[in-house]
Amino acid sequence: MRVESEQGRSAAPGHQVVLTERGPFVAPRCSCGWYGPARRSRPLARDEAAAHVAVG
């Protein structure tokens, strides 16, 4: 499982995660409808997205 940097996409089947920048925040969104809270910490946003894909 891999979640790439801003505007990147994961390679997990069935889940396309995009990290979107909104000012100083990064918000993860998945093609399945899941979304995480906007975070100032990019590593935390990536970790949360990776955890979602691993469970999903």
PDB file of N, CA and C in Angstrom:
ATOM      1  N   MET A   1       0.844  -1.170   0.000  1.00  0.00           N
ATOM      2  CA  MET A   1       0.000   0.000   0.000  1.00  0.00           C
ATOM      3  C   MET A   1       0.880   1.220   0.000  1.00  0.00           C
ATOM      4  N   ARG A   2       0.563   2.150  -0.843  1.00  0.00           N
ATOM      5  CA  ARG A   2       1.355   3.369  -0.916  1.00  0.00           C
ATOM      6  C   ARG A   2       0.458   4.562  -1.142  1.00  0.00           C
ATOM      7  N   VAL A   3       0.593   5.570  -0.329  1.00  0.00           N
ATOM      8  CA  VAL A   3      -0.108   6.832  -0.536  1.00  0.00           C
ATOM      9  C   VAL A   3       0.955   7.853  -0.882  1.00  0.00           C
ATOM     10  N   GLU A   4       0.834   8.459  -2.029  1.00  0.00           N
ATOM     11  CA  GLU A   4       1.857   9.383  -2.494  1.00  0.00           C
ATOM     12  C   GLU A   4       1.593  10.798  -2.002  1.00  0.00           C
ATOM     13  N   SER A   5       2.458  11.690  -2.385  1.00  0.00           N
ATOM     14  CA  SER A   5       2.372  13.082  -1.948  1.00  0.00           C
ATOM     15  C   SER A   5       1.146  13.780  -2.526  1.00  0.00           C
ATOM     16  N   GLU A   6       1.008  15.055  -2.224  1.00  0.00           N
ATOM     17  CA  GLU A   6      -0.120  15.867  -2.646  1.00  0.00           C
ATOM     18  C   GLU A   6      -0.421  15.647  -4.121  1.00  0.00           C
ATOM     19  N   GLN A   7      -1.664  15.525  -4.444  1.00  0.00           N
ATOM     20  CA  GLN A   7      -2.164  15.286  -5.786  1.00  0.00           C
ATOM     21  C   GLN A   7      -1.785  13.909  -6.310  1.00  0.00           C
ATOM     22  N   GLY A   8      -1.163  13.054  -5.477  1.00  0.00           N
ATOM     23  CA  GLY A   8      -0.801  11.693  -5.878  1.00  0.00           C
ATOM     24  C   GLY A   8      -1.963  10.745  -5.640  1.00  0.00           C
ATOM     25  N   ARG A   9      -1.812   9.530  -6.110  1.00  0.00           N
ATOM     26  CA  ARG A   9      -2.859   8.525  -5.935  1.00  0.00           C
ATOM     27  C   ARG A   9      -2.228   7.237  -5.451  1.00  0.00           C
ATOM     28  N   SER A  10      -3.002   6.455  -4.716  1.00  0.00           N
ATOM     29  CA  SER A  10      -2.493   5.172  -4.239  1.00  0.00           C
ATOM     30  C   SER A  10      -2.694   4.118  -5.320  1.00  0.00           C
ATOM     31  N   ALA A  11      -1.988   3.025  -5.179  1.00  0.00           N
ATOM     32  CA  ALA A  11      -2.088   1.950  -6.157  1.00  0.00           C
ATOM     33  C   ALA A  11      -2.929   0.791  -5.638  1.00  0.00           C
ATOM     34  N   ALA A  12      -3.584   0.947  -4.499  1.00  0.00           N
ATOM     35  CA  ALA A  12      -4.389  -0.125  -3.924  1.00  0.00           C
ATOM     36  C   ALA A  12      -5.654  -0.332  -4.759  1.00  0.00           C
ATOM     37  N   PRO A  13      -6.002  -1.581  -5.075  1.00  0.00           N
ATOM     38  CA  PRO A  13      -7.207  -1.829  -5.873  1.00  0.00           C
ATOM     39  C   PRO A  13      -8.464  -1.409  -5.122  1.00  0.00           C
ATOM     40  N   GLY A  14      -9.361  -0.701  -5.809  1.00  0.00           N
ATOM     41  CA  GLY A  14     -10.619  -0.287  -5.213  1.00  0.00           C
ATOM     42  C   GLY A  14     -10.548   0.985  -4.394  1.00  0.00           C
ATOM     43  N   HIS A  15      -9.351   1.463  -4.109  1.00  0.00           N
ATOM     44  CA  HIS A  15      -9.194   2.680  -3.317  1.00  0.00           C
ATOM     45  C   HIS A  15      -8.209   3.609  -4.013  1.00  0.00           C
ATOM     46  N   GLN A  16      -8.675   4.754  -4.400  1.00  0.00           N
ATOM     47  CA  GLN A  16      -7.823   5.787  -4.976  1.00  0.00           C
ATOM     48  C   GLN A  16      -7.807   6.950  -3.998  1.00  0.00           C
ATOM     49  N   VAL A  17      -6.715   7.113  -3.272  1.00  0.00           N
ATOM     50  CA  VAL A  17      -6.597   8.155  -2.262  1.00  0.00           C
ATOM     51  C   VAL A  17      -5.856   9.343  -2.856  1.00  0.00           C
ATOM     52  N   VAL A  18      -6.432  10.519  -2.655  1.00  0.00           N
ATOM     53  CA  VAL A  18      -5.818  11.761  -3.113  1.00  0.00           C
ATOM     54  C   VAL A  18      -5.637  12.661  -1.909  1.00  0.00           C
ATOM     55  N   LEU A  19      -4.450  13.249  -1.774  1.00  0.00           N
ATOM     56  CA  LEU A  19      -4.196  14.222  -0.718  1.00  0.00           C
ATOM     57  C   LEU A  19      -4.294  15.608  -1.341  1.00  0.00           C
ATOM     58  N   THR A  20      -5.251  16.404  -0.860  1.00  0.00           N
ATOM     59  CA  THR A  20      -5.514  17.712  -1.427  1.00  0.00           C
ATOM     60  C   THR A  20      -5.053  18.802  -0.476  1.00  0.00           C
ATOM     61  N   GLU A  21      -4.301  19.750  -0.985  1.00  0.00           N
ATOM     62  CA  GLU A  21      -3.857  20.876  -0.166  1.00  0.00           C
ATOM     63  C   GLU A  21      -4.916  21.960  -0.162  1.00  0.00           C
ATOM     64  N   ARG A  22      -5.152  22.484   1.026  1.00  0.00           N
ATOM     65  CA  ARG A  22      -6.062  23.618   1.218  1.00  0.00           C
ATOM     66  C   ARG A  22      -5.343  24.604   2.129  1.00  0.00           C
ATOM     67  N   GLY A  23      -4.624  25.525   1.533  1.00  0.00           N
ATOM     68  CA  GLY A  23      -3.813  26.434   2.339  1.00  0.00           C
ATOM     69  C   GLY A  23      -2.755  25.632   3.076  1.00  0.00           C
ATOM     70  N   PRO A  24      -2.658  25.806   4.402  1.00  0.00           N
ATOM     71  CA  PRO A  24      -1.645  25.066   5.160  1.00  0.00           C
ATOM     72  C   PRO A  24      -2.078  23.647   5.532  1.00  0.00           C
ATOM     73  N   PHE A  25      -3.248  23.219   5.071  1.00  0.00           N
ATOM     74  CA  PHE A  25      -3.801  21.921   5.446  1.00  0.00           C
ATOM     75  C   PHE A  25      -3.745  20.934   4.291  1.00  0.00           C
ATOM     76  N   VAL A  26      -3.702  19.645   4.641  1.00  0.00           N
ATOM     77  CA  VAL A  26      -3.767  18.551   3.670  1.00  0.00           C
ATOM     78  C   VAL A  26      -4.927  17.658   4.089  1.00  0.00           C
ATOM     79  N   ALA A  27      -5.817  17.364   3.150  1.00  0.00           N
ATOM     80  CA  ALA A  27      -6.983  16.531   3.448  1.00  0.00           C
ATOM     81  C   ALA A  27      -6.992  15.304   2.542  1.00  0.00           C
ATOM     82  N   PRO A  28      -7.024  14.093   3.129  1.00  0.00           N
ATOM     83  CA  PRO A  28      -7.098  12.878   2.307  1.00  0.00           C
ATOM     84  C   PRO A  28      -8.550  12.540   1.933  1.00  0.00           C
ATOM     85  N   ARG A  29      -8.749  12.098   0.703  1.00  0.00           N
ATOM     86  CA  ARG A  29     -10.055  11.642   0.231  1.00  0.00           C
ATOM     87  C   ARG A  29      -9.855  10.371  -0.574  1.00  0.00           C
ATOM     88  N   CYS A  30     -10.807   9.448  -0.430  1.00  0.00           N
ATOM     89  CA  CYS A  30     -10.729   8.168  -1.128  1.00  0.00           C
ATOM     90  C   CYS A  30     -11.882   8.035  -2.113  1.00  0.00           C
ATOM     91  N   SER A  31     -11.665   7.265  -3.156  1.00  0.00           N
ATOM     92  CA  SER A  31     -12.697   7.037  -4.170  1.00  0.00           C
ATOM     93  C   SER A  31     -13.910   6.291  -3.612  1.00  0.00           C
ATOM     94  N   CYS A  32     -13.760   5.619  -2.454  1.00  0.00           N
ATOM     95  CA  CYS A  32     -14.875   4.877  -1.860  1.00  0.00           C
ATOM     96  C   CYS A  32     -15.806   5.796  -1.060  1.00  0.00           C
ATOM     97  N   GLY A  33     -15.419   7.080  -0.909  1.00  0.00           N
ATOM     98  CA  GLY A  33     -16.260   8.021  -0.174  1.00  0.00           C
ATOM     99  C   GLY A  33     -15.679   8.422   1.173  1.00  0.00           C
ATOM    100  N   TRP A  34     -14.672   7.712   1.643  1.00  0.00           N
ATOM    101  CA  TRP A  34     -14.041   8.043   2.911  1.00  0.00           C
ATOM    102  C   TRP A  34     -13.239   9.322   2.767  1.00  0.00           C
ATOM    103  N   TYR A  35     -13.232  10.112   3.813  1.00  0.00           N
ATOM    104  CA  TYR A  35     -12.334  11.262   3.849  1.00  0.00           C
ATOM    105  C   TYR A  35     -11.863  11.477   5.273  1.00  0.00           C
ATOM    106  N   GLY A  36     -10.657  11.950   5.390  1.00  0.00           N
ATOM    107  CA  GLY A  36     -10.059  12.206   6.693  1.00  0.00           C
ATOM    108  C   GLY A  36     -10.087  13.691   6.988  1.00  0.00           C
ATOM    109  N   PRO A  37      -9.829  14.044   8.224  1.00  0.00           N
ATOM    110  CA  PRO A  37      -9.811  15.457   8.590  1.00  0.00           C
ATOM    111  C   PRO A  37      -8.606  16.169   7.963  1.00  0.00           C
ATOM    112  N   ALA A  38      -8.773  17.446   7.705  1.00  0.00           N
ATOM    113  CA  ALA A  38      -7.662  18.246   7.201  1.00  0.00           C
ATOM    114  C   ALA A  38      -6.625  18.373   8.310  1.00  0.00           C
ATOM    115  N   ARG A  39      -5.373  18.185   7.956  1.00  0.00           N
ATOM    116  CA  ARG A  39      -4.275  18.213   8.923  1.00  0.00           C
ATOM    117  C   ARG A  39      -3.190  19.183   8.452  1.00  0.00           C
ATOM    118  N   ARG A  40      -2.503  19.792   9.392  1.00  0.00           N
ATOM    119  CA  ARG A  40      -1.321  20.583   9.048  1.00  0.00           C
ATOM    120  C   ARG A  40      -0.133  19.657   8.800  1.00  0.00           C
ATOM    121  N   SER A  41      -0.162  18.491   9.392  1.00  0.00           N
ATOM    122  CA  SER A  41       0.925  17.530   9.271  1.00  0.00           C
ATOM    123  C   SER A  41       0.690  16.618   8.064  1.00  0.00           C
ATOM    124  N   ARG A  42       1.494  16.784   7.039  1.00  0.00           N
ATOM    125  CA  ARG A  42       1.361  15.919   5.863  1.00  0.00           C
ATOM    126  C   ARG A  42       1.629  14.459   6.198  1.00  0.00           C
ATOM    127  N   PRO A  43       2.665  14.155   7.001  1.00  0.00           N
ATOM    128  CA  PRO A  43       2.897  12.746   7.344  1.00  0.00           C
ATOM    129  C   PRO A  43       1.708  12.116   8.075  1.00  0.00           C
ATOM    130  N   LEU A  44       1.054  12.863   8.939  1.00  0.00           N
ATOM    131  CA  LEU A  44      -0.109  12.327   9.653  1.00  0.00           C
ATOM    132  C   LEU A  44      -1.254  12.062   8.678  1.00  0.00           C
ATOM    133  N   ALA A  45      -1.502  12.967   7.753  1.00  0.00           N
ATOM    134  CA  ALA A  45      -2.556  12.762   6.753  1.00  0.00           C
ATOM    135  C   ALA A  45      -2.256  11.533   5.898  1.00  0.00           C
ATOM    136  N   ARG A  46      -0.983  11.358   5.501  1.00  0.00           N
ATOM    137  CA  ARG A  46      -0.600  10.177   4.711  1.00  0.00           C
ATOM    138  C   ARG A  46      -0.767   8.896   5.510  1.00  0.00           C
ATOM    139  N   ASP A  47      -0.387   8.937   6.796  1.00  0.00           N
ATOM    140  CA  ASP A  47      -0.531   7.752   7.657  1.00  0.00           C
ATOM    141  C   ASP A  47      -1.994   7.360   7.826  1.00  0.00           C
ATOM    142  N   GLU A  48      -2.862   8.343   8.014  1.00  0.00           N
ATOM    143  CA  GLU A  48      -4.295   8.054   8.164  1.00  0.00           C
ATOM    144  C   GLU A  48      -4.864   7.464   6.874  1.00  0.00           C
ATOM    145  N   ALA A  49      -4.451   8.003   5.733  1.00  0.00           N
ATOM    146  CA  ALA A  49      -4.915   7.462   4.456  1.00  0.00           C
ATOM    147  C   ALA A  49      -4.406   6.032   4.259  1.00  0.00           C
ATOM    148  N   ALA A  50      -3.146   5.785   4.613  1.00  0.00           N
ATOM    149  CA  ALA A  50      -2.580   4.435   4.479  1.00  0.00           C
ATOM    150  C   ALA A  50      -3.317   3.457   5.393  1.00  0.00           C
ATOM    151  N   ALA A  51      -3.660   3.891   6.595  1.00  0.00           N
ATOM    152  CA  ALA A  51      -4.404   3.030   7.523  1.00  0.00           C
ATOM    153  C   ALA A  51      -5.780   2.712   6.953  1.00  0.00           C
ATOM    154  N   HIS A  52      -6.423   3.684   6.330  1.00  0.00           N
ATOM    155  CA  HIS A  52      -7.747   3.456   5.728  1.00  0.00           C
ATOM    156  C   HIS A  52      -7.656   2.397   4.641  1.00  0.00           C
ATOM    157  N   VAL A  53      -6.663   2.525   3.763  1.00  0.00           N
ATOM    158  CA  VAL A  53      -6.519   1.572   2.660  1.00  0.00           C
ATOM    159  C   VAL A  53      -6.177   0.178   3.187  1.00  0.00           C
ATOM    160  N   ALA A  54      -5.357   0.112   4.223  1.00  0.00           N
ATOM    161  CA  ALA A  54      -4.971  -1.178   4.791  1.00  0.00           C
ATOM    162  C   ALA A  54      -6.179  -1.899   5.398  1.00  0.00           C
ATOM    163  N   VAL A  55      -7.073  -1.145   6.013  1.00  0.00           N
ATOM    164  CA  VAL A  55      -8.278  -1.733   6.624  1.00  0.00           C
ATOM    165  C   VAL A  55      -9.352  -1.996   5.575  1.00  0.00           C
ATOM    166  N   GLY A  56      -9.480  -1.064   4.620  1.00  0.00           N
ATOM    167  CA  GLY A  56     -10.535  -1.105   3.624  1.00  0.00           C
ATOM    168  C   GLY A  56     -10.453  -2.251   2.721  1.00  0.00           C
TER     169      GLY A  56
END
